[in-house]
Protein backbone atom coordinates (compact mmCIF):
# COMPACT_ATOMS: atom_id res chain seq x y z
CA MET A 1 31.26 65.85 127.63
CA ARG A 2 31.61 62.13 127.57
CA PHE A 3 29.38 59.85 125.49
CA PRO A 4 28.75 56.33 126.67
CA ARG A 5 29.95 53.57 124.38
CA THR A 6 27.17 51.24 123.42
CA ALA A 7 28.85 49.66 120.39
CA ARG A 8 30.20 46.19 121.01
CA ILE A 9 32.13 43.81 118.80
CA PHE A 10 29.77 41.36 117.14
CA ARG A 11 30.68 37.82 118.03
CA GLY A 12 27.66 35.95 116.63
CA GLN A 13 26.89 34.40 113.26
CA LEU A 14 26.62 36.57 110.13
CA ASP A 15 23.30 36.68 108.36
CA ALA A 16 23.80 35.41 104.79
CA SER A 17 20.54 36.72 103.29
CA PRO A 18 21.90 40.19 102.30
CA PHE A 19 24.85 38.57 100.57
CA VAL A 20 22.60 36.14 98.69
CA GLY A 21 20.35 39.02 97.59
CA VAL A 22 23.30 40.94 96.16
CA LEU A 23 24.59 37.76 94.50
CA PHE A 24 21.25 37.21 92.75
CA LEU A 25 21.17 40.83 91.54
CA VAL A 26 24.68 40.51 90.11
CA ALA A 27 23.71 37.22 88.42
CA ILE A 28 20.67 38.86 86.80
CA PHE A 29 22.75 41.77 85.49
CA LEU A 30 25.35 39.39 84.08
CA LEU A 31 22.72 37.27 82.34
CA LEU A 32 21.05 40.28 80.77
CA ASN A 33 24.34 41.59 79.41
CA SER A 34 25.71 38.27 78.19
CA SER A 35 25.24 36.32 75.00
CA LEU A 36 23.01 33.82 76.81
CA VAL A 37 20.05 36.09 76.10
CA PHE A 38 18.06 34.93 73.07
CA LEU A 39 18.49 37.28 70.13
CA PRO A 40 15.63 37.08 67.64
CA GLY A 41 16.43 36.64 63.99
CA VAL A 42 17.84 34.15 61.56
CA ALA A 43 21.42 32.99 61.92
CA ILE A 44 23.11 33.68 58.59
CA ARG A 45 26.85 33.32 58.14
CA LEU A 46 27.70 35.75 55.36
CA PRO A 47 30.80 35.27 53.24
CA GLU A 48 33.63 37.67 53.95
CA GLY A 49 34.57 40.43 51.58
CA SER A 50 36.35 43.75 51.66
CA ASP A 51 36.57 46.90 49.53
CA LEU A 52 33.21 46.25 47.89
CA GLN A 53 30.85 49.00 46.78
CA GLY A 54 27.72 49.77 48.73
CA VAL A 55 24.25 50.81 47.68
CA THR A 56 23.11 54.43 47.57
CA GLY A 57 19.56 54.06 46.28
CA PRO A 58 16.54 52.20 47.59
CA THR A 59 17.04 48.57 48.51
CA VAL A 60 14.99 45.46 49.11
CA THR A 61 16.57 42.76 51.25
CA VAL A 62 15.97 39.02 50.95
CA ALA A 63 17.70 36.58 53.30
CA VAL A 64 18.37 32.91 52.63
CA ASP A 65 19.48 30.67 55.48
CA ALA A 66 21.53 27.47 55.27
CA TYR A 67 18.36 25.40 54.80
CA ARG A 68 17.33 27.49 51.74
CA ARG A 69 14.42 29.15 53.54
CA LEU A 70 13.58 32.62 52.23
CA TYR A 71 12.93 35.65 54.42
CA PHE A 72 11.49 38.97 53.27
CA ARG A 73 11.01 41.85 55.74
CA ASN A 74 11.83 39.54 58.66
CA GLN A 75 9.13 37.05 57.73
CA ALA A 76 9.49 33.58 56.23
CA ILE A 77 8.09 33.55 52.71
CA ARG A 78 7.59 31.15 49.83
CA GLU A 79 9.16 31.77 46.45
CA ASN A 80 5.82 32.47 44.71
CA ASP A 81 4.86 35.03 47.36
CA LEU A 82 8.33 36.58 47.16
CA LEU A 83 7.82 37.28 43.45
CA THR A 84 4.59 39.14 44.25
CA HIS A 85 6.25 41.22 46.98
CA LEU A 86 9.24 42.04 44.77
CA ARG A 87 6.94 43.20 41.96
CA ARG A 88 5.09 45.44 44.40
CA ALA A 89 8.39 46.86 45.69
CA ALA A 90 9.56 47.54 42.12
CA ARG A 91 6.38 49.51 41.36
CA GLU A 92 6.37 51.58 44.58
CA GLY A 93 9.34 53.90 44.05
CA HIS A 94 10.50 56.24 41.30
CA GLU A 95 13.39 53.97 40.42
CA PRO A 96 13.49 50.21 40.90
CA PRO A 97 15.24 49.21 44.12
CA VAL A 98 18.35 47.07 44.29
CA LEU A 99 17.91 43.56 45.64
CA VAL A 100 20.40 42.92 48.46
CA LEU A 101 20.66 39.17 48.86
CA MET A 102 21.88 37.99 52.26
CA ALA A 103 22.73 34.37 51.52
CA ASP A 104 24.39 32.02 53.97
CA LYS A 105 27.75 30.52 53.03
CA ALA A 106 26.14 27.08 52.72
CA VAL A 107 23.55 28.16 50.13
CA PRO A 108 24.29 26.62 46.72
CA TYR A 109 25.16 28.94 43.86
CA GLU A 110 22.15 27.71 41.86
CA THR A 111 19.81 29.09 44.54
CA ILE A 112 21.47 32.50 44.36
CA ILE A 113 21.18 32.55 40.55
CA GLN A 114 17.54 31.48 40.79
CA LEU A 115 16.78 34.37 43.17
CA ALA A 116 18.60 36.82 40.90
CA LYS A 117 16.44 35.63 37.97
CA LEU A 118 13.36 35.99 40.13
CA ALA A 119 14.32 39.58 40.94
CA ARG A 120 14.90 40.34 37.26
CA GLU A 121 11.48 38.89 36.45
CA ALA A 122 9.93 41.10 39.15
CA GLY A 123 11.43 44.23 37.59
CA LEU A 124 14.50 44.78 39.74
CA LYS A 125 17.49 45.72 37.62
CA GLU A 126 20.35 44.85 39.97
CA THR A 127 21.13 42.18 42.56
CA LEU A 128 23.97 42.53 45.06
CA LEU A 129 25.26 39.93 47.48
CA ALA A 130 25.75 41.02 51.09
CA THR A 131 29.07 40.21 52.75
CA SER A 132 30.51 40.62 56.19
CA PRO A 133 33.67 42.70 56.51
CA ALA A 134 36.87 40.70 56.22
CA PRO A 135 39.16 40.75 59.24
CA PRO A 136 42.26 42.90 58.79
CA ALA A 137 45.18 41.13 57.20
CA ARG A 138 47.85 40.00 59.62
CA THR A 139 51.30 41.27 58.87
CA THR A 140 54.34 39.48 60.15
CA VAL A 141 57.47 41.38 60.93
CA MET A 142 60.68 39.55 60.23
CA PRO A 143 63.48 40.34 62.69
């Protein structure tokens, strides 16, 4: 049995709309997976450190950005209000939590000491400084 051939070679112009649609979809996927997407939070550049001990008990985290603004539980806070919240956190648990201070590299040392004193006044016994892991040391091989 013989089937008639109705397929012919297309000799006209190509329609660009399907290609544009696919291009826009690829662009959307790339934008959603790239670093161009806004990430909420405060930009804090932590100092680098390695082989430091961690915390096993309860913790309370306070962040300080480069402009010396304080953040407690992801909310901007004033120093007087921070003292109140730290006192409440010290009373809540069986043992007082450890204050983990996430301070930017640009924060002066006096500000860090002032926050450690504030934590001691609130009833927290220990203050630790958060660091980012140090990159692995580069070893050079001599030929």
